[in-house]
Each structure stands twice: as structure tokens, then as C-alpha cells.
Amino acid sequence: MAPPFFAIISGVGSGTGASLARRFAQSYAVVLLSRKPSSYEPVVAEINAAGGTAIGITADASDPVAVDAAFAKIEAELLLPGAKLAAAVYNGHAGMSRKPFLELKLEDLQTSLGTAA
């Protein structure tokens, strides 16, 4: 049975997001959001295998429609009646293009700034 509190981590990869998920999973159910299932699936499996509660949802955090759909899925798949959000972490980024600053295009900057709030 899921705990009465949950944490959401948006932007889960192998680094900071995964570490936060493992830590929060010691006390809460966790929801991991990422654009690619391959980013969250290993962490979800690890947490659930260790006796925690975790689900992963594919969502682009820069898209309001995708975020709304993610919250609807959270309510449908995870929450107990009355469960409350304990923590929310925005760890998303689109990855800045690695080239000299003067060679960056406006689209490169907008993509990075649009997701790395």
C-alpha cells in the first residue's frame, strides 16, 4: 500500500533526479517524470524492488498539456484518497548545445531556457 504522501521529481536521469528519487522513496511514494521512459524505468524498478512505491510517467515538463495529463495519471494510478504532495522537484533540462556561445542559434537558447527554469 502506498504511503499517504508522495513526491514528484521532474527530470529523472542517472544523476541528481535518480538520487533524489531514491532518497524520497525512503519516506514517500515517488512519481518520476521524464521525456523518455528509458530515463526513469531503471529507477522505478530499483525503488519498487527495494519495497518502495514508484511510478514513472512520460511527460515533457515544458508542455502544459503533458503536465496536466501526468497529474491525471498520478491520481488514477498512485494516490490513496487524501494523499498529499510532500515534495516537488523540477530537475528538467533540455541540454545546452556545446559549442562556442557566438555560434549558438536563438532556438538553442530558447530550448534550454524553456526547460531549465
N, C-alpha and C. Protein backbone atom coordinates (compact mmCIF):
# COMPACT_ATOMS: atom_id res chain seq x y z
N MET A 1 0.84 -1.18 0.00
CA MET A 1 0.00 0.00 0.00
C MET A 1 0.89 1.24 0.00
N ALA A 2 0.53 2.22 -0.82
CA ALA A 2 1.33 3.44 -0.94
C ALA A 2 1.20 4.30 0.32
N PRO A 3 2.26 4.99 0.68
CA PRO A 3 2.21 5.90 1.82
C PRO A 3 1.22 7.04 1.55
N PRO A 4 0.77 7.77 2.60
CA PRO A 4 -0.21 8.83 2.40
C PRO A 4 0.38 10.11 1.81
N PHE A 5 1.68 10.16 1.60
CA PHE A 5 2.33 11.30 0.99
C PHE A 5 3.09 10.83 -0.24
N PHE A 6 3.34 11.76 -1.16
CA PHE A 6 4.13 11.41 -2.34
C PHE A 6 5.00 12.58 -2.74
N ALA A 7 6.03 12.27 -3.52
CA ALA A 7 6.94 13.28 -4.06
C ALA A 7 6.96 13.14 -5.57
N ILE A 8 7.10 14.25 -6.26
CA ILE A 8 7.22 14.26 -7.72
C ILE A 8 8.60 14.81 -8.07
N ILE A 9 9.27 14.12 -8.96
CA ILE A 9 10.56 14.59 -9.45
C ILE A 9 10.47 14.64 -10.97
N SER A 10 10.59 15.82 -11.50
CA SER A 10 10.55 16.02 -12.94
C SER A 10 11.98 16.15 -13.44
N GLY A 11 12.33 15.35 -14.43
CA GLY A 11 13.69 15.37 -14.95
C GLY A 11 14.54 14.32 -14.27
N VAL A 12 14.23 13.07 -14.53
CA VAL A 12 14.95 11.97 -13.88
C VAL A 12 15.86 11.31 -14.90
N GLY A 13 17.14 11.31 -14.58
CA GLY A 13 18.13 10.59 -15.38
C GLY A 13 18.94 9.74 -14.42
N SER A 14 20.20 9.58 -14.71
CA SER A 14 21.04 8.74 -13.86
C SER A 14 21.71 9.52 -12.74
N GLY A 15 21.56 10.83 -12.70
CA GLY A 15 22.28 11.64 -11.72
C GLY A 15 21.41 12.16 -10.60
N THR A 16 21.25 13.48 -10.55
CA THR A 16 20.55 14.15 -9.46
C THR A 16 19.12 13.66 -9.29
N GLY A 17 18.37 13.57 -10.38
CA GLY A 17 16.98 13.14 -10.29
C GLY A 17 16.84 11.74 -9.70
N ALA A 18 17.69 10.82 -10.14
CA ALA A 18 17.64 9.45 -9.61
C ALA A 18 18.02 9.42 -8.14
N SER A 19 19.02 10.19 -7.76
CA SER A 19 19.44 10.24 -6.35
C SER A 19 18.33 10.79 -5.47
N LEU A 20 17.68 11.84 -5.93
CA LEU A 20 16.56 12.40 -5.17
C LEU A 20 15.42 11.39 -5.06
N ALA A 21 15.14 10.69 -6.14
CA ALA A 21 14.07 9.69 -6.11
C ALA A 21 14.35 8.61 -5.07
N ARG A 22 15.58 8.12 -5.05
CA ARG A 22 15.94 7.08 -4.06
C ARG A 22 15.78 7.61 -2.63
N ARG A 23 16.18 8.83 -2.41
CA ARG A 23 16.10 9.41 -1.07
C ARG A 23 14.64 9.61 -0.64
N PHE A 24 13.85 10.24 -1.52
CA PHE A 24 12.44 10.46 -1.18
C PHE A 24 11.69 9.14 -1.01
N ALA A 25 12.08 8.12 -1.76
CA ALA A 25 11.40 6.82 -1.69
C ALA A 25 11.56 6.15 -0.33
N GLN A 26 12.50 6.62 0.47
CA GLN A 26 12.65 6.08 1.83
C GLN A 26 11.48 6.49 2.72
N SER A 27 10.77 7.57 2.34
CA SER A 27 9.67 8.06 3.16
C SER A 27 8.34 8.20 2.43
N TYR A 28 8.40 8.32 1.11
CA TYR A 28 7.20 8.62 0.33
C TYR A 28 7.09 7.73 -0.90
N ALA A 29 5.90 7.66 -1.44
CA ALA A 29 5.74 7.16 -2.80
C ALA A 29 6.35 8.22 -3.71
N VAL A 30 6.93 7.82 -4.82
CA VAL A 30 7.54 8.80 -5.72
C VAL A 30 6.99 8.65 -7.13
N VAL A 31 6.85 9.79 -7.78
CA VAL A 31 6.45 9.85 -9.18
C VAL A 31 7.61 10.47 -9.94
N LEU A 32 8.07 9.77 -10.96
CA LEU A 32 9.20 10.25 -11.74
C LEU A 32 8.71 10.65 -13.12
N LEU A 33 9.00 11.88 -13.51
CA LEU A 33 8.60 12.38 -14.82
C LEU A 33 9.84 12.57 -15.69
N SER A 34 9.75 12.12 -16.92
CA SER A 34 10.84 12.31 -17.87
C SER A 34 10.28 12.21 -19.28
N ARG A 35 10.98 12.81 -20.23
CA ARG A 35 10.55 12.73 -21.62
C ARG A 35 10.75 11.33 -22.20
N LYS A 36 11.66 10.56 -21.63
CA LYS A 36 11.96 9.22 -22.16
C LYS A 36 11.80 8.18 -21.06
N PRO A 37 11.02 7.12 -21.31
CA PRO A 37 10.88 6.05 -20.32
C PRO A 37 12.21 5.44 -19.92
N SER A 38 13.15 5.38 -20.84
CA SER A 38 14.46 4.79 -20.51
C SER A 38 15.19 5.56 -19.42
N SER A 39 14.78 6.81 -19.18
CA SER A 39 15.40 7.60 -18.12
C SER A 39 14.89 7.21 -16.74
N TYR A 40 13.60 6.90 -16.63
CA TYR A 40 13.04 6.61 -15.31
C TYR A 40 12.85 5.12 -15.03
N GLU A 41 12.73 4.28 -16.03
CA GLU A 41 12.41 2.87 -15.80
C GLU A 41 13.37 2.15 -14.85
N PRO A 42 14.70 2.32 -14.99
CA PRO A 42 15.59 1.63 -14.05
C PRO A 42 15.42 2.09 -12.60
N VAL A 43 15.14 3.37 -12.41
CA VAL A 43 14.98 3.91 -11.06
C VAL A 43 13.67 3.42 -10.46
N VAL A 44 12.60 3.42 -11.25
CA VAL A 44 11.31 2.90 -10.77
C VAL A 44 11.45 1.44 -10.36
N ALA A 45 12.11 0.64 -11.20
CA ALA A 45 12.30 -0.78 -10.90
C ALA A 45 13.11 -0.97 -9.62
N GLU A 46 14.16 -0.18 -9.45
CA GLU A 46 15.01 -0.28 -8.26
C GLU A 46 14.23 0.05 -6.99
N ILE A 47 13.47 1.14 -7.03
CA ILE A 47 12.69 1.56 -5.86
C ILE A 47 11.64 0.52 -5.51
N ASN A 48 10.90 0.04 -6.50
CA ASN A 48 9.86 -0.96 -6.24
C ASN A 48 10.45 -2.28 -5.75
N ALA A 49 11.59 -2.68 -6.29
CA ALA A 49 12.25 -3.91 -5.86
C ALA A 49 12.73 -3.82 -4.41
N ALA A 50 13.04 -2.60 -3.97
CA ALA A 50 13.51 -2.39 -2.60
C ALA A 50 12.35 -2.22 -1.62
N GLY A 51 11.11 -2.35 -2.10
CA GLY A 51 9.96 -2.25 -1.22
C GLY A 51 9.29 -0.89 -1.20
N GLY A 52 9.79 0.04 -2.01
CA GLY A 52 9.17 1.36 -2.09
C GLY A 52 8.04 1.36 -3.11
N THR A 53 7.47 2.53 -3.30
CA THR A 53 6.41 2.71 -4.28
C THR A 53 6.84 3.79 -5.26
N ALA A 54 6.92 3.44 -6.53
CA ALA A 54 7.32 4.41 -7.55
C ALA A 54 6.59 4.12 -8.85
N ILE A 55 6.24 5.19 -9.54
CA ILE A 55 5.74 5.08 -10.91
C ILE A 55 6.49 6.09 -11.76
N GLY A 56 6.62 5.78 -13.02
CA GLY A 56 7.22 6.69 -13.98
C GLY A 56 6.19 7.10 -15.01
N ILE A 57 6.26 8.36 -15.39
CA ILE A 57 5.33 8.89 -16.38
C ILE A 57 6.12 9.64 -17.43
N THR A 58 5.84 9.34 -18.68
CA THR A 58 6.49 10.05 -19.77
C THR A 58 5.77 11.37 -19.98
N ALA A 59 6.51 12.47 -19.79
CA ALA A 59 5.92 13.80 -19.93
C ALA A 59 7.02 14.82 -20.19
N ASP A 60 6.72 15.77 -21.05
CA ASP A 60 7.61 16.89 -21.31
C ASP A 60 7.17 18.03 -20.39
N ALA A 61 7.98 18.35 -19.40
CA ALA A 61 7.61 19.35 -18.40
C ALA A 61 7.46 20.75 -18.97
N SER A 62 7.92 20.98 -20.19
CA SER A 62 7.75 22.30 -20.80
C SER A 62 6.41 22.41 -21.54
N ASP A 63 5.63 21.33 -21.55
CA ASP A 63 4.34 21.29 -22.25
C ASP A 63 3.21 21.22 -21.21
N PRO A 64 2.44 22.30 -21.05
CA PRO A 64 1.37 22.31 -20.03
C PRO A 64 0.35 21.19 -20.20
N VAL A 65 0.04 20.82 -21.43
CA VAL A 65 -0.92 19.73 -21.66
C VAL A 65 -0.36 18.41 -21.15
N ALA A 66 0.93 18.18 -21.39
CA ALA A 66 1.58 16.95 -20.92
C ALA A 66 1.63 16.91 -19.39
N VAL A 67 1.85 18.05 -18.77
CA VAL A 67 1.89 18.11 -17.30
C VAL A 67 0.50 17.83 -16.72
N ASP A 68 -0.53 18.41 -17.31
CA ASP A 68 -1.90 18.12 -16.86
C ASP A 68 -2.22 16.63 -16.99
N ALA A 69 -1.82 16.04 -18.11
CA ALA A 69 -2.06 14.60 -18.32
C ALA A 69 -1.30 13.77 -17.29
N ALA A 70 -0.09 14.21 -16.95
CA ALA A 70 0.71 13.49 -15.94
C ALA A 70 0.01 13.51 -14.59
N PHE A 71 -0.55 14.66 -14.19
CA PHE A 71 -1.24 14.74 -12.91
C PHE A 71 -2.50 13.88 -12.91
N ALA A 72 -3.19 13.81 -14.03
CA ALA A 72 -4.36 12.93 -14.12
C ALA A 72 -3.94 11.48 -13.96
N LYS A 73 -2.82 11.11 -14.54
CA LYS A 73 -2.32 9.74 -14.42
C LYS A 73 -1.89 9.44 -12.98
N ILE A 74 -1.28 10.42 -12.32
CA ILE A 74 -0.89 10.25 -10.92
C ILE A 74 -2.12 9.93 -10.08
N GLU A 75 -3.17 10.71 -10.26
CA GLU A 75 -4.40 10.49 -9.49
C GLU A 75 -5.00 9.12 -9.78
N ALA A 76 -4.91 8.68 -11.02
CA ALA A 76 -5.51 7.40 -11.41
C ALA A 76 -4.71 6.20 -10.95
N GLU A 77 -3.37 6.32 -10.92
CA GLU A 77 -2.53 5.14 -10.70
C GLU A 77 -1.89 5.05 -9.32
N LEU A 78 -1.71 6.15 -8.63
CA LEU A 78 -0.89 6.11 -7.42
C LEU A 78 -1.63 6.45 -6.15
N LEU A 79 -2.39 7.49 -6.20
CA LEU A 79 -2.82 8.11 -4.96
C LEU A 79 -3.88 7.35 -4.19
N LEU A 80 -3.68 7.34 -2.91
CA LEU A 80 -4.73 6.92 -2.00
C LEU A 80 -5.63 8.12 -1.77
N PRO A 81 -6.89 7.91 -1.41
CA PRO A 81 -7.73 9.06 -1.10
C PRO A 81 -7.08 9.90 0.00
N GLY A 82 -6.98 11.18 -0.25
CA GLY A 82 -6.41 12.08 0.74
C GLY A 82 -4.90 12.19 0.72
N ALA A 83 -4.22 11.48 -0.17
CA ALA A 83 -2.75 11.58 -0.25
C ALA A 83 -2.36 13.01 -0.58
N LYS A 84 -1.26 13.44 0.00
CA LYS A 84 -0.82 14.82 -0.16
C LYS A 84 0.58 14.88 -0.75
N LEU A 85 0.82 15.93 -1.50
CA LEU A 85 2.13 16.15 -2.08
C LEU A 85 3.09 16.62 -0.98
N ALA A 86 4.16 15.89 -0.78
CA ALA A 86 5.16 16.24 0.23
C ALA A 86 6.30 17.06 -0.36
N ALA A 87 6.65 16.78 -1.62
CA ALA A 87 7.78 17.47 -2.24
C ALA A 87 7.64 17.42 -3.75
N ALA A 88 8.09 18.49 -4.39
CA ALA A 88 8.13 18.53 -5.86
C ALA A 88 9.47 19.13 -6.26
N VAL A 89 10.17 18.45 -7.15
CA VAL A 89 11.48 18.90 -7.60
C VAL A 89 11.45 19.03 -9.12
N TYR A 90 11.85 20.20 -9.60
CA TYR A 90 11.97 20.41 -11.04
C TYR A 90 13.45 20.32 -11.38
N ASN A 91 13.83 19.24 -12.02
CA ASN A 91 15.23 18.98 -12.35
C ASN A 91 15.41 18.84 -13.86
N GLY A 92 14.44 19.36 -14.62
CA GLY A 92 14.46 19.18 -16.06
C GLY A 92 15.41 20.13 -16.77
N HIS A 93 15.94 19.65 -17.86
CA HIS A 93 16.73 20.50 -18.75
C HIS A 93 16.78 19.82 -20.11
N ALA A 94 16.92 20.64 -21.14
CA ALA A 94 16.95 20.09 -22.49
C ALA A 94 18.37 19.90 -22.98
N GLY A 95 19.32 20.32 -22.20
CA GLY A 95 20.71 20.18 -22.61
C GLY A 95 21.13 21.30 -23.53
N MET A 96 22.01 22.11 -23.07
CA MET A 96 22.52 23.23 -23.86
C MET A 96 23.45 22.68 -24.93
N SER A 97 23.37 23.26 -26.11
CA SER A 97 24.30 22.88 -27.18
C SER A 97 25.71 23.23 -26.75
N ARG A 98 26.62 22.31 -26.95
CA ARG A 98 28.00 22.53 -26.54
C ARG A 98 28.80 23.02 -27.74
N LYS A 99 28.82 24.34 -27.86
CA LYS A 99 29.61 24.99 -28.90
C LYS A 99 29.87 26.41 -28.44
N PRO A 100 30.77 27.11 -29.09
CA PRO A 100 31.05 28.49 -28.67
C PRO A 100 29.78 29.33 -28.65
N PHE A 101 29.68 30.19 -27.65
CA PHE A 101 28.47 30.99 -27.43
C PHE A 101 28.04 31.73 -28.70
N LEU A 102 28.98 32.33 -29.40
CA LEU A 102 28.64 33.11 -30.58
C LEU A 102 28.15 32.25 -31.75
N GLU A 103 28.28 30.94 -31.63
CA GLU A 103 27.77 30.04 -32.67
C GLU A 103 26.38 29.48 -32.33
N LEU A 104 25.88 29.79 -31.14
CA LEU A 104 24.56 29.31 -30.75
C LEU A 104 23.48 30.02 -31.56
N LYS A 105 22.44 29.28 -31.87
CA LYS A 105 21.28 29.85 -32.55
C LYS A 105 20.25 30.21 -31.49
N LEU A 106 19.36 31.11 -31.82
CA LEU A 106 18.31 31.51 -30.90
C LEU A 106 17.50 30.29 -30.43
N GLU A 107 17.25 29.34 -31.33
CA GLU A 107 16.49 28.14 -30.97
C GLU A 107 17.20 27.32 -29.89
N ASP A 108 18.54 27.27 -29.95
CA ASP A 108 19.31 26.55 -28.93
C ASP A 108 19.06 27.16 -27.56
N LEU A 109 19.11 28.47 -27.48
CA LEU A 109 18.91 29.15 -26.20
C LEU A 109 17.47 29.02 -25.72
N GLN A 110 16.51 29.17 -26.62
CA GLN A 110 15.11 29.07 -26.22
C GLN A 110 14.76 27.68 -25.70
N THR A 111 15.28 26.65 -26.33
CA THR A 111 15.02 25.28 -25.87
C THR A 111 15.58 25.07 -24.48
N SER A 112 16.80 25.51 -24.27
CA SER A 112 17.43 25.34 -22.96
C SER A 112 16.71 26.16 -21.89
N LEU A 113 16.44 27.41 -22.18
CA LEU A 113 15.78 28.27 -21.19
C LEU A 113 14.34 27.86 -20.96
N GLY A 114 13.69 27.28 -21.96
CA GLY A 114 12.30 26.86 -21.82
C GLY A 114 12.11 25.69 -20.89
N THR A 115 13.14 24.88 -20.70
CA THR A 115 13.00 23.72 -19.81
C THR A 115 13.80 23.87 -18.53
N ALA A 116 14.86 24.60 -18.54
CA ALA A 116 15.69 24.76 -17.34
C ALA A 116 15.32 26.06 -16.65
N ALA A 117 14.15 26.08 -16.06
CA ALA A 117 13.62 27.30 -15.44
C ALA A 117 14.48 27.78 -14.30
